Amino acid sequence: MKGNTVQDRKHRRHSLVNRETIYEGNVFSFVSDDLTLEGHKETIRREYIAHPGAVAIVPLREGDNGPEVLLLSQYRHPVEAVLWEIPAGLLDKDGEDPLAAAQRELAEEASLDAASWRVLVDLFSSPGCLSESLRVFLARDLSSTSLEYERTEEEADMEYEWIPLAEAVQLAHSGAIHNATTIIGLLSAASALAGYGELREPNAPWMR
């Protein structure tokens, strides 16, 4: 946006004094950093969850009443609820390209391939306490995948619904859908289709 100074940027001029891993799990770690802010002398402590990052996908097809989005239901134990979500997954495979990860997740979770991929939005899920960076893709020109994948644990009980995108947005506003990534994906897809902003190529720069 020409002439607009509102743009997130990396800031690496603070001094890291010490880093301690308090707990290391299979995917996430709990980290404590002691740092000195630029222009200050005192040391402060910030504790947060270190996260490998993730991708999410809004699968879109043309229906009788306009664009339709695929939602799937999954039990999420931390909130003890079954949530309707868009397909998503962790970037927990070393060196895996984000687009390749999104293609894999779409095939594994939704049994779909897509011929058209664009970036809807990039986001930090909760930057005050979590280092997770997430890229949401728009996937179109869908077809059934040839990938054979057995869903286990919570994924084994997934349900699937194709619903009009406009209805999905209404469900988000009404409080029927709670997953933050899903809400962001639905609203950004609706915004993109309405002509607000240009979608980026799937390999566009990403401030992870």
C-alpha atoms as a PDB file:
ATOM      1  CA  MET A   1       0.000   0.000   0.000  1.00  0.00           C
ATOM      2  CA  LYS A   2       1.850   3.032  -1.262  1.00  0.00           C
ATOM      3  CA  GLY A   3       2.304   5.737   1.334  1.00  0.00           C
ATOM      4  CA  ASN A   4       1.121   3.524   4.205  1.00  0.00           C
ATOM      5  CA  THR A   5       3.619   2.912   7.015  1.00  0.00           C
ATOM      6  CA  VAL A   6       1.514   0.200   8.704  1.00  0.00           C
ATOM      7  CA  GLN A   7       3.520  -2.961   8.131  1.00  0.00           C
ATOM      8  CA  ASP A   8       4.755  -5.577  10.578  1.00  0.00           C
ATOM      9  CA  ARG A   9       8.520  -6.028  10.694  1.00  0.00           C
ATOM     10  CA  LYS A  10      11.061  -8.220  12.423  1.00  0.00           C
ATOM     11  CA  HIS A  11      12.940  -6.537  15.280  1.00  0.00           C
ATOM     12  CA  ARG A  12      16.218  -8.113  16.368  1.00  0.00           C
ATOM     13  CA  ARG A  13      17.953  -5.235  18.171  1.00  0.00           C
ATOM     14  CA  HIS A  14      17.025  -6.428  21.644  1.00  0.00           C
ATOM     15  CA  SER A  15      19.747  -8.380  23.484  1.00  0.00           C
ATOM     16  CA  LEU A  16      19.055 -11.967  24.513  1.00  0.00           C
ATOM     17  CA  VAL A  17      20.837 -12.569  27.821  1.00  0.00           C
ATOM     18  CA  ASN A  18      19.749 -16.136  28.528  1.00  0.00           C
ATOM     19  CA  ARG A  19      17.363 -18.776  27.193  1.00  0.00           C
ATOM     20  CA  GLU A  20      16.096 -21.737  29.198  1.00  0.00           C
ATOM     21  CA  THR A  21      13.871 -24.578  27.997  1.00  0.00           C
ATOM     22  CA  ILE A  22      11.640 -25.256  30.988  1.00  0.00           C
ATOM     23  CA  TYR A  23       9.774 -28.141  29.355  1.00  0.00           C
ATOM     24  CA  GLU A  24      10.260 -29.907  26.023  1.00  0.00           C
ATOM     25  CA  GLY A  25       7.353 -31.901  24.580  1.00  0.00           C
ATOM     26  CA  ASN A  26       6.860 -33.910  21.406  1.00  0.00           C
ATOM     27  CA  VAL A  27       5.841 -30.815  19.437  1.00  0.00           C
ATOM     28  CA  PHE A  28       5.802 -27.770  21.740  1.00  0.00           C
ATOM     29  CA  SER A  29       8.307 -26.475  24.277  1.00  0.00           C
ATOM     30  CA  PHE A  30       7.937 -23.998  27.124  1.00  0.00           C
ATOM     31  CA  VAL A  31      10.748 -21.436  26.982  1.00  0.00           C
ATOM     32  CA  SER A  32      11.963 -18.670  29.291  1.00  0.00           C
ATOM     33  CA  ASP A  33      14.016 -15.804  27.814  1.00  0.00           C
ATOM     34  CA  ASP A  34      15.887 -13.107  29.721  1.00  0.00           C
ATOM     35  CA  LEU A  35      16.437 -10.077  27.488  1.00  0.00           C
ATOM     36  CA  THR A  36      17.360  -6.414  27.505  1.00  0.00           C
ATOM     37  CA  LEU A  37      15.205  -4.151  25.354  1.00  0.00           C
ATOM     38  CA  GLU A  38      16.929  -1.730  22.999  1.00  0.00           C
ATOM     39  CA  GLY A  39      17.714   1.518  24.837  1.00  0.00           C
ATOM     40  CA  HIS A  40      17.136  -0.011  28.299  1.00  0.00           C
ATOM     41  CA  LYS A  41      19.504  -1.409  30.922  1.00  0.00           C
ATOM     42  CA  GLU A  42      17.300  -3.637  33.032  1.00  0.00           C
ATOM     43  CA  THR A  43      16.739  -7.288  32.116  1.00  0.00           C
ATOM     44  CA  ILE A  44      13.217  -8.604  31.723  1.00  0.00           C
ATOM     45  CA  ARG A  45      11.872 -12.155  31.494  1.00  0.00           C
ATOM     46  CA  ARG A  46       9.411 -13.445  28.918  1.00  0.00           C
ATOM     47  CA  GLU A  47       8.004 -16.973  29.017  1.00  0.00           C
ATOM     48  CA  TYR A  48       6.249 -18.478  26.007  1.00  0.00           C
ATOM     49  CA  ILE A  49       5.448 -21.645  24.083  1.00  0.00           C
ATOM     50  CA  ALA A  50       7.872 -22.404  21.237  1.00  0.00           C
ATOM     51  CA  HIS A  51       5.943 -23.765  18.252  1.00  0.00           C
ATOM     52  CA  PRO A  52       7.149 -25.081  14.850  1.00  0.00           C
ATOM     53  CA  GLY A  53       4.433 -23.263  12.883  1.00  0.00           C
ATOM     54  CA  ALA A  54       1.477 -24.543  10.900  1.00  0.00           C
ATOM     55  CA  VAL A  55      -0.520 -24.334   7.695  1.00  0.00           C
ATOM     56  CA  ALA A  56      -4.273 -24.295   7.129  1.00  0.00           C
ATOM     57  CA  ILE A  57      -6.386 -24.642   4.011  1.00  0.00           C
ATOM     58  CA  VAL A  58      -9.732 -23.223   2.895  1.00  0.00           C
ATOM     59  CA  PRO A  59     -10.956 -25.783   0.315  1.00  0.00           C
ATOM     60  CA  LEU A  60     -13.420 -24.019  -1.982  1.00  0.00           C
ATOM     61  CA  ARG A  61     -15.668 -25.374  -4.720  1.00  0.00           C
ATOM     62  CA  GLU A  62     -18.516 -23.906  -6.750  1.00  0.00           C
ATOM     63  CA  GLY A  63     -21.962 -25.000  -5.563  1.00  0.00           C
ATOM     64  CA  ASP A  64     -25.497 -24.346  -6.719  1.00  0.00           C
ATOM     65  CA  ASN A  65     -25.689 -21.300  -4.421  1.00  0.00           C
ATOM     66  CA  GLY A  66     -22.193 -19.941  -4.891  1.00  0.00           C
ATOM     67  CA  PRO A  67     -18.830 -20.941  -3.370  1.00  0.00           C
ATOM     68  CA  GLU A  68     -18.861 -23.774  -0.816  1.00  0.00           C
ATOM     69  CA  VAL A  69     -16.237 -24.511   1.813  1.00  0.00           C
ATOM     70  CA  LEU A  70     -15.354 -27.870   3.351  1.00  0.00           C
ATOM     71  CA  LEU A  71     -15.424 -27.988   7.157  1.00  0.00           C
ATOM     72  CA  LEU A  72     -14.477 -30.956   9.315  1.00  0.00           C
ATOM     73  CA  SER A  73     -15.208 -31.638  12.978  1.00  0.00           C
ATOM     74  CA  GLN A  74     -12.513 -32.637  15.465  1.00  0.00           C
ATOM     75  CA  TYR A  75     -12.393 -33.091  19.229  1.00  0.00           C
ATOM     76  CA  ARG A  76     -10.017 -30.612  20.889  1.00  0.00           C
ATOM     77  CA  HIS A  77      -9.196 -31.734  24.399  1.00  0.00           C
ATOM     78  CA  PRO A  78      -7.801 -28.456  25.875  1.00  0.00           C
ATOM     79  CA  VAL A  79     -11.260 -26.880  25.418  1.00  0.00           C
ATOM     80  CA  GLU A  80     -13.183 -30.180  25.770  1.00  0.00           C
ATOM     81  CA  ALA A  81     -15.212 -29.494  22.639  1.00  0.00           C
ATOM     82  CA  VAL A  82     -15.836 -30.815  19.145  1.00  0.00           C
ATOM     83  CA  LEU A  83     -14.990 -27.935  16.809  1.00  0.00           C
ATOM     84  CA  TRP A  84     -15.774 -27.379  13.135  1.00  0.00           C
ATOM     85  CA  GLU A  85     -12.549 -26.439  11.386  1.00  0.00           C
ATOM     86  CA  ILE A  86     -10.787 -26.071   8.056  1.00  0.00           C
ATOM     87  CA  PRO A  87      -8.025 -28.637   7.360  1.00  0.00           C
ATOM     88  CA  ALA A  88      -4.752 -27.730   9.056  1.00  0.00           C
ATOM     89  CA  GLY A  89      -1.520 -29.223  10.321  1.00  0.00           C
ATOM     90  CA  LEU A  90       1.857 -28.590  11.905  1.00  0.00           C
ATOM     91  CA  LEU A  91       5.086 -27.748  10.138  1.00  0.00           C
ATOM     92  CA  ASP A  92       6.845 -30.390  12.203  1.00  0.00           C
ATOM     93  CA  LYS A  93       8.731 -32.172   9.412  1.00  0.00           C
ATOM     94  CA  ASP A  94      12.260 -30.767   9.055  1.00  0.00           C
ATOM     95  CA  GLY A  95      12.732 -28.855   5.815  1.00  0.00           C
ATOM     96  CA  GLU A  96       9.202 -29.444   4.490  1.00  0.00           C
ATOM     97  CA  ASP A  97       7.978 -26.703   2.159  1.00  0.00           C
ATOM     98  CA  PRO A  98       4.825 -25.008   3.529  1.00  0.00           C
ATOM     99  CA  LEU A  99       2.897 -25.563   0.296  1.00  0.00           C
ATOM    100  CA  ALA A 100       3.881 -29.240   0.277  1.00  0.00           C
ATOM    101  CA  ALA A 101       2.732 -29.463   3.895  1.00  0.00           C
ATOM    102  CA  ALA A 102      -0.612 -27.877   3.000  1.00  0.00           C
ATOM    103  CA  GLN A 103      -1.058 -30.269   0.073  1.00  0.00           C
ATOM    104  CA  ARG A 104      -0.276 -33.208   2.362  1.00  0.00           C
ATOM    105  CA  GLU A 105      -2.695 -32.045   5.048  1.00  0.00           C
ATOM    106  CA  LEU A 106      -5.486 -31.502   2.530  1.00  0.00           C
ATOM    107  CA  ALA A 107      -4.997 -35.031   1.218  1.00  0.00           C
ATOM    108  CA  GLU A 108      -4.717 -36.622   4.667  1.00  0.00           C
ATOM    109  CA  GLU A 109      -7.564 -34.795   6.386  1.00  0.00           C
ATOM    110  CA  ALA A 110      -9.977 -34.194   3.532  1.00  0.00           C
ATOM    111  CA  SER A 111      -8.964 -36.775   0.878  1.00  0.00           C
ATOM    112  CA  LEU A 112      -8.599 -33.941  -1.649  1.00  0.00           C
ATOM    113  CA  ASP A 113      -6.009 -32.582  -4.068  1.00  0.00           C
ATOM    114  CA  ALA A 114      -6.111 -29.047  -5.450  1.00  0.00           C
ATOM    115  CA  ALA A 115      -4.786 -27.690  -8.745  1.00  0.00           C
ATOM    116  CA  SER A 116      -4.970 -24.031  -7.676  1.00  0.00           C
ATOM    117  CA  TRP A 117      -3.255 -22.629  -4.568  1.00  0.00           C
ATOM    118  CA  ARG A 118      -3.016 -19.059  -3.252  1.00  0.00           C
ATOM    119  CA  VAL A 119      -2.093 -17.468   0.079  1.00  0.00           C
ATOM    120  CA  LEU A 120      -5.025 -15.915   1.921  1.00  0.00           C
ATOM    121  CA  VAL A 121      -3.314 -14.601   5.077  1.00  0.00           C
ATOM    122  CA  ASP A 122      -0.306 -15.095   7.346  1.00  0.00           C
ATOM    123  CA  LEU A 123      -0.741 -14.711  11.082  1.00  0.00           C
ATOM    124  CA  PHE A 124       0.832 -15.147  14.498  1.00  0.00           C
ATOM    125  CA  SER A 125      -1.754 -17.147  16.429  1.00  0.00           C
ATOM    126  CA  SER A 126      -1.163 -15.545  19.836  1.00  0.00           C
ATOM    127  CA  PRO A 127       2.074 -13.515  19.748  1.00  0.00           C
ATOM    128  CA  GLY A 128       2.016 -12.586  23.419  1.00  0.00           C
ATOM    129  CA  CYS A 129       2.532 -16.167  24.583  1.00  0.00           C
ATOM    130  CA  LEU A 130       3.099 -18.389  21.541  1.00  0.00           C
ATOM    131  CA  SER A 131       5.653 -18.304  18.703  1.00  0.00           C
ATOM    132  CA  GLU A 132       3.348 -20.094  16.226  1.00  0.00           C
ATOM    133  CA  SER A 133       3.287 -18.604  12.739  1.00  0.00           C
ATOM    134  CA  LEU A 134       0.490 -19.856  10.503  1.00  0.00           C
ATOM    135  CA  ARG A 135      -0.149 -19.529   6.772  1.00  0.00           C
ATOM    136  CA  VAL A 136      -3.694 -19.968   5.458  1.00  0.00           C
ATOM    137  CA  PHE A 137      -4.031 -21.118   1.851  1.00  0.00           C
ATOM    138  CA  LEU A 138      -6.984 -20.993  -0.512  1.00  0.00           C
ATOM    139  CA  ALA A 139      -7.293 -24.278  -2.441  1.00  0.00           C
ATOM    140  CA  ARG A 140      -9.496 -24.529  -5.550  1.00  0.00           C
ATOM    141  CA  ASP A 141      -9.977 -26.836  -8.555  1.00  0.00           C
ATOM    142  CA  LEU A 142     -10.402 -29.780  -6.205  1.00  0.00           C
ATOM    143  CA  SER A 143     -10.361 -33.496  -6.957  1.00  0.00           C
ATOM    144  CA  SER A 144     -10.231 -36.737  -4.983  1.00  0.00           C
ATOM    145  CA  THR A 145      -6.746 -37.712  -3.878  1.00  0.00           C
ATOM    146  CA  SER A 146      -5.034 -41.013  -4.590  1.00  0.00           C
ATOM    147  CA  LEU A 147      -3.220 -40.841  -1.242  1.00  0.00           C
ATOM    148  CA  GLU A 148      -4.057 -43.672   1.129  1.00  0.00           C
ATOM    149  CA  TYR A 149      -4.054 -42.448   4.715  1.00  0.00           C
ATOM    150  CA  GLU A 150      -5.492 -43.978   7.877  1.00  0.00           C
ATOM    151  CA  ARG A 151      -6.888 -41.429  10.321  1.00  0.00           C
ATOM    152  CA  THR A 152      -6.337 -42.333  13.972  1.00  0.00           C
ATOM    153  CA  GLU A 153      -7.090 -40.961  17.462  1.00  0.00           C
ATOM    154  CA  GLU A 154      -9.248 -37.796  17.297  1.00  0.00           C
ATOM    155  CA  GLU A 155      -9.064 -37.734  13.505  1.00  0.00           C
ATOM    156  CA  ALA A 156     -10.773 -41.144  13.249  1.00  0.00           C
ATOM    157  CA  ASP A 157     -14.136 -39.618  14.221  1.00  0.00           C
ATOM    158  CA  MET A 158     -14.069 -36.613  11.914  1.00  0.00           C
ATOM    159  CA  GLU A 159     -17.289 -35.547  10.196  1.00  0.00           C
ATOM    160  CA  TYR A 160     -17.386 -33.483   6.997  1.00  0.00           C
ATOM    161  CA  GLU A 161     -19.743 -30.832   5.642  1.00  0.00           C
ATOM    162  CA  TRP A 162     -19.714 -28.751   2.460  1.00  0.00           C
ATOM    163  CA  ILE A 163     -21.587 -25.537   3.203  1.00  0.00           C
ATOM    164  CA  PRO A 164     -21.948 -22.220   1.350  1.00  0.00           C
ATOM    165  CA  LEU A 165     -19.133 -19.835   2.263  1.00  0.00           C
ATOM    166  CA  ALA A 166     -21.656 -17.100   3.079  1.00  0.00           C
ATOM    167  CA  GLU A 167     -23.383 -19.431   5.536  1.00  0.00           C
ATOM    168  CA  ALA A 168     -20.044 -20.376   7.126  1.00  0.00           C
ATOM    169  CA  VAL A 169     -19.265 -16.696   7.669  1.00  0.00           C
ATOM    170  CA  GLN A 170     -22.664 -16.244   9.313  1.00  0.00           C
ATOM    171  CA  LEU A 171     -21.940 -19.229  11.582  1.00  0.00           C
ATOM    172  CA  ALA A 172     -18.700 -17.587  12.662  1.00  0.00           C
ATOM    173  CA  HIS A 173     -20.475 -14.326  13.502  1.00  0.00           C
ATOM    174  CA  SER A 174     -23.236 -16.183  15.378  1.00  0.00           C
ATOM    175  CA  GLY A 175     -20.820 -17.991  17.677  1.00  0.00           C
ATOM    176  CA  ALA A 176     -21.414 -21.448  16.177  1.00  0.00           C
ATOM    177  CA  ILE A 177     -17.757 -21.739  15.052  1.00  0.00           C
ATOM    178  CA  HIS A 178     -14.953 -21.018  17.527  1.00  0.00           C
ATOM    179  CA  ASN A 179     -11.654 -22.172  15.997  1.00  0.00           C
ATOM    180  CA  ALA A 180      -9.630 -18.997  15.410  1.00  0.00           C
ATOM    181  CA  THR A 181      -7.788 -20.271  12.336  1.00  0.00           C
ATOM    182  CA  THR A 182     -11.077 -21.313  10.777  1.00  0.00           C
ATOM    183  CA  ILE A 183     -12.754 -17.981  11.457  1.00  0.00           C
ATOM    184  CA  ILE A 184      -9.791 -16.114   9.961  1.00  0.00           C
ATOM    185  CA  GLY A 185      -9.773 -18.421   6.941  1.00  0.00           C
ATOM    186  CA  LEU A 186     -13.497 -18.022   6.295  1.00  0.00           C
ATOM    187  CA  LEU A 187     -13.504 -14.252   6.658  1.00  0.00           C
ATOM    188  CA  SER A 188     -10.375 -13.794   4.546  1.00  0.00           C
ATOM    189  CA  ALA A 189     -11.757 -16.067   1.808  1.00  0.00           C
ATOM    190  CA  ALA A 190     -14.998 -14.078   1.725  1.00  0.00           C
ATOM    191  CA  SER A 191     -13.009 -10.836   1.676  1.00  0.00           C
ATOM    192  CA  ALA A 192     -10.794 -12.072  -1.164  1.00  0.00           C
ATOM    193  CA  LEU A 193     -13.750 -13.163  -3.284  1.00  0.00           C
ATOM    194  CA  ALA A 194     -15.336  -9.750  -2.697  1.00  0.00           C
ATOM    195  CA  GLY A 195     -12.268  -8.117  -4.248  1.00  0.00           C
ATOM    196  CA  TYR A 196     -10.507  -6.766  -1.165  1.00  0.00           C
ATOM    197  CA  GLY A 197      -6.782  -7.208  -1.746  1.00  0.00           C
ATOM    198  CA  GLU A 198      -4.858  -9.466  -4.080  1.00  0.00           C
ATOM    199  CA  LEU A 199      -4.050 -13.071  -3.243  1.00  0.00           C
ATOM    200  CA  ARG A 200      -0.363 -14.001  -3.181  1.00  0.00           C
ATOM    201  CA  GLU A 201       1.434 -16.847  -4.879  1.00  0.00           C
ATOM    202  CA  PRO A 202       1.873 -19.932  -2.665  1.00  0.00           C
ATOM    203  CA  ASN A 203       5.639 -19.323  -2.359  1.00  0.00           C
ATOM    204  CA  ALA A 204       5.262 -15.646  -1.383  1.00  0.00           C
ATOM    205  CA  PRO A 205       7.603 -14.339   1.361  1.00  0.00           C
ATOM    206  CA  TRP A 206       6.487 -15.252   4.865  1.00  0.00           C
ATOM    207  CA  MET A 207       7.595 -13.497   8.060  1.00  0.00           C
ATOM    208  CA  ARG A 208       7.907 -16.685  10.116  1.00  0.00           C
END
